[in-house]
Protein backbone atom coordinates (compact mmCIF):
# COMPACT_ATOMS: atom_id res chain seq x y z
CA MET A 1 -46.16 87.65 44.85
CA ALA A 2 -49.04 84.98 45.08
CA LEU A 3 -47.79 81.85 46.31
CA LEU A 4 -49.33 78.06 45.31
CA SER A 5 -52.01 77.34 47.82
CA LYS A 6 -52.38 74.02 49.31
CA PRO A 7 -54.81 72.40 46.18
CA GLN A 8 -52.63 74.24 44.03
CA LEU A 9 -49.35 71.62 44.93
CA GLU A 10 -51.56 68.43 44.50
CA ARG A 11 -52.61 69.55 41.65
CA TYR A 12 -49.58 70.52 40.07
CA ASP A 13 -47.51 67.66 41.81
CA ARG A 14 -46.57 65.96 38.61
CA ASN A 15 -44.36 69.52 37.48
CA LEU A 16 -42.93 70.01 40.37
CA LYS A 17 -41.39 67.06 40.60
CA LEU A 18 -39.67 67.62 37.32
CA LYS A 19 -35.87 68.54 37.41
CA ASN A 20 -35.18 72.64 36.91
CA TYR A 21 -39.04 73.01 37.40
CA SER A 22 -39.78 75.33 40.46
CA LYS A 23 -42.51 76.52 42.69
CA GLY A 24 -41.70 79.97 40.98
CA ASP A 25 -41.67 78.36 37.14
CA GLN A 26 -45.82 77.43 38.14
CA GLU A 27 -46.19 80.58 39.38
CA ARG A 28 -44.97 82.18 36.22
CA LEU A 29 -47.53 79.75 34.26
CA LEU A 30 -50.35 80.60 36.49
CA ARG A 31 -49.82 84.69 35.34
CA SER A 32 -48.74 84.40 32.23
CA LYS A 33 -51.65 85.13 29.44
CA VAL A 34 -52.08 82.99 26.18
CA LEU A 35 -53.98 83.78 22.81
CA VAL A 36 -55.44 80.49 21.24
CA ILE A 37 -56.97 81.49 17.79
CA GLY A 38 -59.23 78.00 16.82
CA THR A 39 -61.38 75.56 19.16
CA GLY A 40 -61.44 72.94 16.56
CA GLY A 41 -59.18 69.63 16.30
CA LEU A 42 -56.22 71.71 17.14
CA GLY A 43 -57.43 73.76 19.64
CA SER A 44 -58.61 70.97 21.60
CA PRO A 45 -55.69 69.79 22.60
CA ILE A 46 -54.17 72.86 23.40
CA LEU A 47 -56.50 74.48 25.24
CA LEU A 48 -57.01 71.71 27.44
CA TYR A 49 -53.31 70.82 28.34
CA LEU A 50 -52.79 74.65 28.80
CA ALA A 51 -55.53 74.42 31.35
CA ALA A 52 -54.75 71.36 32.88
CA ASN A 53 -50.96 72.76 33.09
CA GLY A 54 -52.17 75.84 34.80
CA VAL A 55 -51.59 78.65 32.43
CA GLY A 56 -53.73 81.22 33.89
CA ASN A 57 -55.05 83.50 31.46
CA ILE A 58 -56.19 82.30 28.29
CA SER A 59 -58.45 84.00 25.38
CA VAL A 60 -59.99 81.88 22.77
CA VAL A 61 -61.50 83.16 19.87
CA ASP A 62 -63.69 81.20 17.77
CA SER A 63 -66.61 82.07 15.50
CA ASP A 64 -68.11 78.85 15.01
CA SER A 65 -71.04 76.39 16.36
CA ILE A 66 -69.86 72.37 16.88
CA GLU A 67 -70.90 70.32 14.05
CA LEU A 68 -71.53 66.97 14.49
CA SER A 69 -68.69 65.85 11.88
CA ASN A 70 -66.68 67.90 14.14
CA LEU A 71 -66.39 65.35 17.41
CA GLN A 72 -64.41 63.25 15.22
CA ARG A 73 -61.20 64.98 16.62
CA GLN A 74 -62.31 68.00 18.09
CA VAL A 75 -62.70 66.65 21.72
CA ILE A 76 -63.26 69.79 24.11
CA HIS A 77 -67.33 69.59 22.32
CA ASP A 78 -69.29 66.96 23.37
CA SER A 79 -72.61 65.43 21.37
CA GLU A 80 -74.67 67.44 24.23
CA SER A 81 -72.94 70.77 23.01
CA ILE A 82 -74.09 70.70 18.78
CA GLY A 83 -75.73 73.84 17.58
CA LYS A 84 -73.73 75.77 20.58
CA GLN A 85 -70.84 78.67 20.31
CA LYS A 86 -67.28 76.88 20.28
CA ALA A 87 -65.88 79.90 22.29
CA LYS A 88 -68.65 79.86 24.93
CA VAL A 89 -68.16 75.40 25.17
CA ALA A 90 -64.26 75.64 25.23
CA LYS A 91 -64.67 78.06 27.95
CA ALA A 92 -66.53 76.02 30.41
CA ARG A 93 -65.04 72.75 29.87
CA MET A 94 -61.74 74.68 30.63
CA GLU A 95 -63.08 75.72 34.07
CA LYS A 96 -64.64 72.82 34.88
CA LEU A 97 -60.96 71.07 34.27
CA ASN A 98 -59.69 73.66 36.35
CA PRO A 99 -60.54 76.56 37.92
CA ASP A 100 -57.60 78.21 38.60
CA VAL A 101 -57.80 79.16 34.83
CA ASN A 102 -59.79 82.71 34.15
CA VAL A 103 -60.43 82.14 30.55
CA ARG A 104 -61.98 84.64 27.75
CA ALA A 105 -64.10 83.04 24.73
CA VAL A 106 -64.11 85.64 22.46
CA ASP A 107 -67.17 84.50 19.99
CA GLY A 108 -66.23 86.54 16.46
CA ARG A 109 -63.15 86.28 13.84
CA PHE A 110 -59.45 87.41 14.08
CA ASN A 111 -59.44 89.59 11.65
CA LYS A 112 -57.44 92.64 10.29
CA SER A 113 -59.50 95.34 12.39
CA ASN A 114 -58.73 94.02 15.44
CA ALA A 115 -55.59 91.17 15.30
CA ARG A 116 -53.16 93.11 16.92
CA LYS A 117 -55.26 94.60 19.54
CA ILE A 118 -56.06 91.35 20.01
CA VAL A 119 -52.44 89.91 20.09
CA ALA A 120 -51.14 92.54 22.80
CA ASN A 121 -52.57 91.79 25.72
CA HIS A 122 -50.90 88.33 25.76
CA ASP A 123 -47.62 86.57 26.39
CA MET A 124 -48.04 83.94 23.65
CA ILE A 125 -50.44 84.04 20.84
CA VAL A 126 -51.51 80.07 19.46
CA ASP A 127 -52.66 79.45 15.75
CA ALA A 128 -55.06 76.66 15.89
CA SER A 129 -56.97 77.88 12.91
CA ASP A 130 -57.42 75.86 9.80
CA ASN A 131 -56.92 78.27 6.88
CA PHE A 132 -53.84 79.97 6.08
CA ALA A 133 -55.40 83.72 5.80
CA THR A 134 -55.81 83.42 9.26
CA LYS A 135 -52.23 81.71 9.91
CA PHE A 136 -50.89 84.65 8.14
CA LEU A 137 -52.61 86.91 10.21
CA VAL A 138 -51.36 85.35 13.48
CA ASN A 139 -47.61 85.72 11.90
CA ASP A 140 -47.70 89.32 10.76
CA ALA A 141 -49.65 90.62 14.10
CA SER A 142 -47.42 88.64 16.37
CA VAL A 143 -44.53 90.27 14.38
CA LEU A 144 -45.89 93.89 14.44
CA GLU A 145 -46.62 93.48 18.20
CA LYS A 146 -43.12 91.26 18.86
CA LYS A 147 -45.04 88.59 20.59
CA PRO A 148 -43.78 84.81 20.10
CA PHE A 149 -46.20 82.82 18.38
CA SER A 150 -46.92 78.92 17.47
CA ILE A 151 -48.33 77.39 13.96
CA GLY A 152 -49.99 74.20 13.41
CA SER A 153 -51.36 72.62 10.73
CA VAL A 154 -53.18 68.85 9.53
CA LEU A 155 -53.79 67.42 6.60
CA GLU A 156 -55.29 63.76 5.73
CA TYR A 157 -52.47 61.66 7.78
CA HIS A 158 -50.08 64.76 7.76
CA GLY A 159 -48.94 67.46 10.37
CA GLN A 160 -46.45 69.91 10.36
CA VAL A 161 -46.11 72.77 13.72
CA SER A 162 -43.21 75.25 14.65
CA THR A 163 -42.03 78.34 16.66
CA PHE A 164 -41.48 81.59 16.23
CA ILE A 165 -40.11 84.52 18.64
CA PRO A 166 -39.72 87.98 16.59
CA GLY A 167 -36.13 89.22 16.66
CA LYS A 168 -34.79 85.92 17.65
CA SER A 169 -35.95 83.10 14.76
CA PRO A 170 -37.22 84.14 11.52
CA CYS A 171 -41.31 84.40 10.66
CA TYR A 172 -43.70 82.28 9.37
CA ARG A 173 -43.38 84.42 6.22
CA CYS A 174 -39.46 83.85 5.37
CA LEU A 175 -41.01 79.80 5.15
CA PHE A 176 -43.79 79.93 2.68
CA LYS A 177 -44.13 84.04 1.13
CA GLN A 178 -47.87 84.13 0.97
CA PRO A 179 -51.36 81.84 1.13
CA PRO A 180 -51.15 79.40 -1.14
CA ASP A 181 -53.65 80.10 -4.63
CA GLY A 182 -56.05 77.48 -3.50
CA ALA A 183 -53.82 74.56 -4.71
CA ILE A 184 -54.29 73.03 -1.41
CA PRO A 185 -57.39 70.78 -0.49
CA THR A 186 -59.40 71.35 3.00
CA THR A 187 -59.86 68.74 5.68
CA ALA A 188 -63.69 69.38 4.47
CA GLU A 189 -62.53 67.83 1.47
CA VAL A 190 -59.54 65.07 1.88
CA GLY A 191 -60.12 64.64 5.39
CA VAL A 192 -57.83 64.08 8.19
CA LEU A 193 -57.17 61.44 10.91
CA GLY A 194 -58.59 62.68 14.13
CA THR A 195 -55.72 61.81 16.17
CA VAL A 196 -53.29 64.02 13.95
CA PRO A 197 -54.36 67.43 15.30
CA GLY A 198 -54.43 66.14 18.89
CA ILE A 199 -50.35 65.11 18.10
CA ILE A 200 -50.09 68.70 16.40
CA GLY A 201 -51.69 70.30 19.05
CA ILE A 202 -49.99 68.42 22.21
CA ILE A 203 -46.65 70.05 20.60
CA GLN A 204 -48.06 73.01 20.07
CA ALA A 205 -49.21 73.49 23.91
CA THR A 206 -45.35 72.14 24.76
CA GLU A 207 -43.52 74.70 23.08
CA VAL A 208 -46.33 77.38 24.82
CA ILE A 209 -45.15 76.30 28.33
CA LYS A 210 -40.88 75.81 27.39
CA VAL A 211 -41.56 79.86 25.28
CA LEU A 212 -43.18 81.15 28.40
CA LEU A 213 -41.06 79.32 30.84
CA GLY A 214 -37.34 79.72 29.00
CA LYS A 215 -37.24 75.75 29.05
CA GLY A 216 -35.50 73.72 26.23
CA THR A 217 -35.23 74.59 22.78
CA PRO A 218 -38.10 75.62 20.72
CA LEU A 219 -39.15 75.25 17.27
CA LEU A 220 -37.11 78.13 16.09
CA GLY A 221 -36.84 78.38 12.32
CA ARG A 222 -37.08 74.43 12.24
CA LEU A 223 -40.36 73.24 10.10
CA LEU A 224 -41.70 69.42 12.25
CA LEU A 225 -43.11 67.69 9.47
CA MET A 226 -44.53 64.40 10.42
CA ASP A 227 -46.61 61.47 8.63
CA VAL A 228 -48.39 59.21 11.47
CA LEU A 229 -48.49 56.40 8.46
CA ASP A 230 -44.89 55.49 8.77
CA TRP A 231 -44.04 57.64 11.30
CA ASP A 232 -41.99 59.85 9.38
CA PHE A 233 -40.93 62.93 11.51
CA GLN A 234 -38.79 65.37 9.70
CA ILE A 235 -36.91 68.77 10.29
CA ILE A 236 -36.70 71.25 8.08
CA LYS A 237 -34.39 74.20 8.77
CA PHE A 238 -35.44 77.86 7.66
CA GLU A 239 -33.00 81.28 7.83
CA ARG A 240 -35.00 84.62 8.38
CA ALA A 241 -35.28 86.26 4.60
CA LYS A 242 -33.53 89.52 4.12
CA ASN A 243 -36.75 90.11 1.91
CA CYS A 244 -39.38 89.44 3.94
CA PRO A 245 -42.78 91.48 4.00
CA ALA A 246 -43.01 90.86 7.90
CA CYS A 247 -39.75 90.83 9.42
CA GLY A 248 -37.22 92.14 6.65
CA ASP A 249 -34.46 94.73 6.26
CA ARG A 250 -37.50 96.72 4.98
CA PRO A 251 -40.60 95.29 6.38
CA VAL A 252 -43.92 96.69 4.69
CA ILE A 253 -46.42 94.53 6.14
CA LYS A 254 -49.17 96.97 8.76
CA LEU A 255 -51.91 96.84 10.32
CA LYS A 256 -54.01 98.96 11.93
CA LYS A 257 -53.07 99.38 16.02
């Protein structure tokens, strides 16, 4: 097992000064493999903080290119990167922030044909996408591969986030049975305050570190709801559904492996 180098002891000094946080914990983060789907408003703070804290192996999936309208909230990108592929720009930024981190950029879509294969190679999965179809696919692939995962969503002045560990918690389909029929607007239609995905993304990054290190109490079976206008935070508890098509007593969802 590799020991922390002198520069690493200095880089992670504030982590190492925490109670109940050891050099072994930091070494564990450096060995960990995390998959983040999306490098936008949610993905930006998730990726930056995971890299800064020394999560050593991060895969980034995103097929989009950077647009000017992204920059109000997608802080991993900048004006000079407009038109470039998001995954590659994110990789360069993260590796510049922390050379300890090995970043794999996947310039493509996370879809039914590759979801399980990609998920299987990681210790934890983070949904930072902007559409429900991807969130449900993250759920299904993670449940089938028995990988912990986090899902976050934002819209206007609101955000929500939860964490899931197959076999220990309900899954996303226990909370939301299936993708909505299109009645819910998108951020492109009604907007989102640029700081909202920053807050939710940081919560997701924190949950990843907690789960990887086995510290604290993750948001298992709990959905955190946030309204930044009134600073209203609520937690809704939910339970595993016996008839859940993904994690219920008789699961029916299958994906190509």
